[in-house]
Protein backbone atom coordinates (compact mmCIF):
# COMPACT_ATOMS: atom_id res chain seq x y z
CA UNK A 1 25.37 40.56 -1.67
CA UNK A 2 22.50 39.73 -4.08
CA UNK A 3 22.44 41.46 -7.46
CA UNK A 4 20.02 44.37 -7.60
CA UNK A 5 17.10 43.84 -9.90
CA UNK A 6 17.02 46.38 -12.72
CA UNK A 7 13.99 48.63 -12.55
CA UNK A 8 12.13 48.72 -15.82
CA UNK A 9 9.34 51.03 -16.86
CA UNK A 10 7.41 47.86 -17.66
CA UNK A 11 8.03 45.92 -14.42
CA UNK A 12 4.93 44.80 -12.53
CA UNK A 13 4.11 47.04 -9.59
CA UNK A 14 6.08 49.98 -10.99
CA UNK A 15 4.24 53.26 -11.08
CA UNK A 16 4.87 55.41 -14.15
CA UNK A 17 4.45 59.18 -13.90
CA UNK A 18 5.03 62.28 -16.06
CA UNK A 19 5.88 65.65 -14.53
CA UNK A 20 5.22 68.63 -16.82
CA UNK A 21 7.27 71.79 -16.38
CA UNK A 22 5.06 74.22 -18.29
CA UNK A 23 7.08 77.38 -18.94
CA UNK A 24 5.46 80.31 -20.69
CA UNK A 25 7.12 82.80 -23.03
CA UNK A 26 7.58 85.19 -20.09
CA UNK A 27 9.54 82.51 -18.18
CA UNK A 28 6.88 81.68 -15.62
CA UNK A 29 6.28 78.16 -14.36
CA UNK A 30 2.69 76.91 -14.14
CA UNK A 31 1.81 75.33 -10.77
CA UNK A 32 -1.23 73.54 -9.37
CA UNK A 33 -2.19 73.92 -5.72
CA UNK A 34 -5.11 71.56 -5.35
CA UNK A 35 -3.33 68.66 -3.69
CA UNK A 36 -0.58 67.68 -1.29
CA UNK A 37 -0.88 70.92 0.75
CA UNK A 38 1.72 72.37 -1.60
CA UNK A 39 2.18 73.78 -5.07
CA UNK A 40 3.24 71.22 -7.65
CA UNK A 41 3.83 70.95 -11.37
CA UNK A 42 1.13 69.08 -13.32
CA UNK A 43 1.74 65.34 -13.08
CA UNK A 44 -0.06 62.37 -14.50
CA UNK A 45 0.08 58.61 -14.08
CA UNK A 46 0.93 56.71 -17.26
CA UNK A 47 -0.39 53.27 -18.15
CA UNK A 48 2.19 50.59 -18.79
CA UNK A 49 1.22 50.30 -22.47
CA UNK A 50 1.36 54.06 -23.17
CA UNK A 51 4.37 56.09 -24.29
CA UNK A 52 5.27 58.92 -21.88
CA UNK A 53 5.16 61.65 -24.52
CA UNK A 54 1.87 60.38 -25.96
CA UNK A 55 0.32 60.47 -22.48
CA UNK A 56 1.67 63.97 -21.84
CA UNK A 57 0.40 65.30 -25.17
CA UNK A 58 -3.06 63.79 -24.61
CA UNK A 59 -3.24 65.23 -21.08
CA UNK A 60 -2.17 68.71 -22.20
CA UNK A 61 -4.77 68.69 -24.97
CA UNK A 62 -7.66 67.33 -22.88
CA UNK A 63 -7.00 69.06 -19.56
CA UNK A 64 -5.42 72.37 -20.57
CA UNK A 65 -6.47 72.70 -24.26
CA UNK A 66 -2.80 72.98 -25.28
CA UNK A 67 -2.91 71.48 -28.78
CA UNK A 68 0.68 71.80 -30.00
CA UNK A 69 3.01 71.61 -27.02
CA UNK A 70 6.66 72.41 -27.73
CA UNK A 71 8.75 69.89 -25.83
CA UNK A 72 12.30 70.71 -24.88
CA UNK A 73 14.86 68.24 -26.07
CA UNK A 74 16.06 67.98 -22.49
CA UNK A 75 14.20 65.50 -20.33
CA UNK A 76 15.01 63.35 -17.38
CA UNK A 77 13.96 59.98 -16.06
CA UNK A 78 13.96 59.36 -12.33
CA UNK A 79 13.79 55.77 -11.15
CA UNK A 80 13.23 54.85 -7.55
CA UNK A 81 14.01 51.42 -6.21
CA UNK A 82 11.80 49.63 -3.72
CA UNK A 83 14.39 50.32 -1.05
CA UNK A 84 14.96 54.00 -1.88
CA UNK A 85 11.48 55.10 -2.80
CA UNK A 86 11.07 58.66 -1.62
CA UNK A 87 7.69 59.28 -3.20
CA UNK A 88 5.54 56.26 -2.54
CA UNK A 89 5.71 52.77 -1.13
CA UNK A 90 6.56 51.27 -4.52
CA UNK A 91 9.05 51.99 -7.30
CA UNK A 92 8.24 54.87 -9.63
CA UNK A 93 9.58 55.67 -13.07
CA UNK A 94 9.15 59.41 -13.60
CA UNK A 95 9.76 61.29 -16.79
CA UNK A 96 10.06 65.08 -16.69
CA UNK A 97 9.25 67.12 -19.77
CA UNK A 98 9.97 70.81 -20.28
CA UNK A 99 7.04 72.21 -22.27
CA UNK A 100 7.09 75.74 -23.64
CA UNK A 101 3.67 77.37 -23.89
CA UNK A 102 2.62 80.81 -25.04
CA UNK A 103 1.17 83.51 -22.79
CA UNK A 104 -2.38 82.87 -24.03
CA UNK A 105 -2.11 79.21 -22.92
CA UNK A 106 -0.68 80.34 -19.59
CA UNK A 107 -3.60 82.79 -19.16
CA UNK A 108 -6.04 79.93 -19.88
CA UNK A 109 -4.25 77.76 -17.33
CA UNK A 110 -4.90 80.41 -14.65
CA UNK A 111 -8.54 80.84 -15.64
CA UNK A 112 -9.25 77.11 -15.22
CA UNK A 113 -8.94 77.14 -11.45
CA UNK A 114 -8.22 79.42 -8.54
CA UNK A 115 -5.81 76.68 -7.47
CA UNK A 116 -3.50 77.40 -10.43
CA UNK A 117 -0.72 79.96 -10.44
CA UNK A 118 2.34 80.92 -12.46
CA UNK A 119 5.53 82.12 -10.88
CA UNK A 120 8.73 83.61 -12.22
CA UNK A 121 12.17 82.78 -10.88
CA UNK A 122 11.98 85.25 -7.96
CA UNK A 123 8.52 83.93 -6.97
CA UNK A 124 9.77 80.33 -7.08
CA UNK A 125 12.70 81.15 -4.85
CA UNK A 126 10.56 83.04 -2.32
CA UNK A 127 8.04 80.15 -2.17
CA UNK A 128 10.65 77.37 -2.32
CA UNK A 129 9.36 75.52 0.77
CA UNK A 130 5.84 75.36 -0.65
CA UNK A 131 6.67 73.61 -3.94
CA UNK A 132 6.99 69.91 -4.68
CA UNK A 133 8.64 67.87 -5.98
CA UNK A 134 11.96 69.05 -4.66
CA UNK A 135 14.33 70.19 -7.37
CA UNK A 136 11.71 71.95 -9.48
CA UNK A 137 12.88 75.39 -8.35
CA UNK A 138 16.54 74.74 -9.09
CA UNK A 139 15.73 73.33 -12.50
CA UNK A 140 13.26 76.07 -13.50
CA UNK A 141 15.50 78.89 -12.22
CA UNK A 142 18.51 77.38 -14.01
CA UNK A 143 16.50 77.04 -17.19
CA UNK A 144 15.22 80.64 -16.94
CA UNK A 145 18.67 82.00 -16.21
CA UNK A 146 20.23 80.00 -19.06
CA UNK A 147 22.80 77.93 -17.17
CA UNK A 148 20.79 74.73 -17.51
CA UNK A 149 21.35 72.91 -19.77
CA UNK A 150 24.87 73.71 -20.79
CA UNK A 151 24.04 74.41 -24.41
CA UNK A 152 21.03 75.18 -26.57
CA UNK A 153 17.67 73.51 -26.08
CA UNK A 154 15.67 72.80 -29.19
CA UNK A 155 11.92 72.49 -29.07
CA UNK A 156 10.10 69.91 -31.14
């Protein structure tokens, strides 16, 4: 069996993407509904020569006027292989950031578009089949309820 090629965030043909879990101080998740026939968390493509956090910070500032995002110390990186790609027809390196925002920023998020919403844990569970990517509900509900992560999360 041939050795599997390691997937790098800098490999040619690899898509790089950031998913932003924007949680306000009232534990509501911000969602966009303008694409994919579903609600989704804000997501952005990232150029190969740009750091994930730099791209996320720039996007939050330019698109949502969030100037000082508070990133959770917990983040994840999802890598798809060419063979297993569930999202597109090519490998994707995805970084997920938890970003705490205040209620004023969450109000501004809603005012930007009628295709934006914010849902609490009960709303997320009741709309679970309408939200992508899969796993967002489990993560957000676990974060709200305090069982994820197993320990404190610092914001920086």
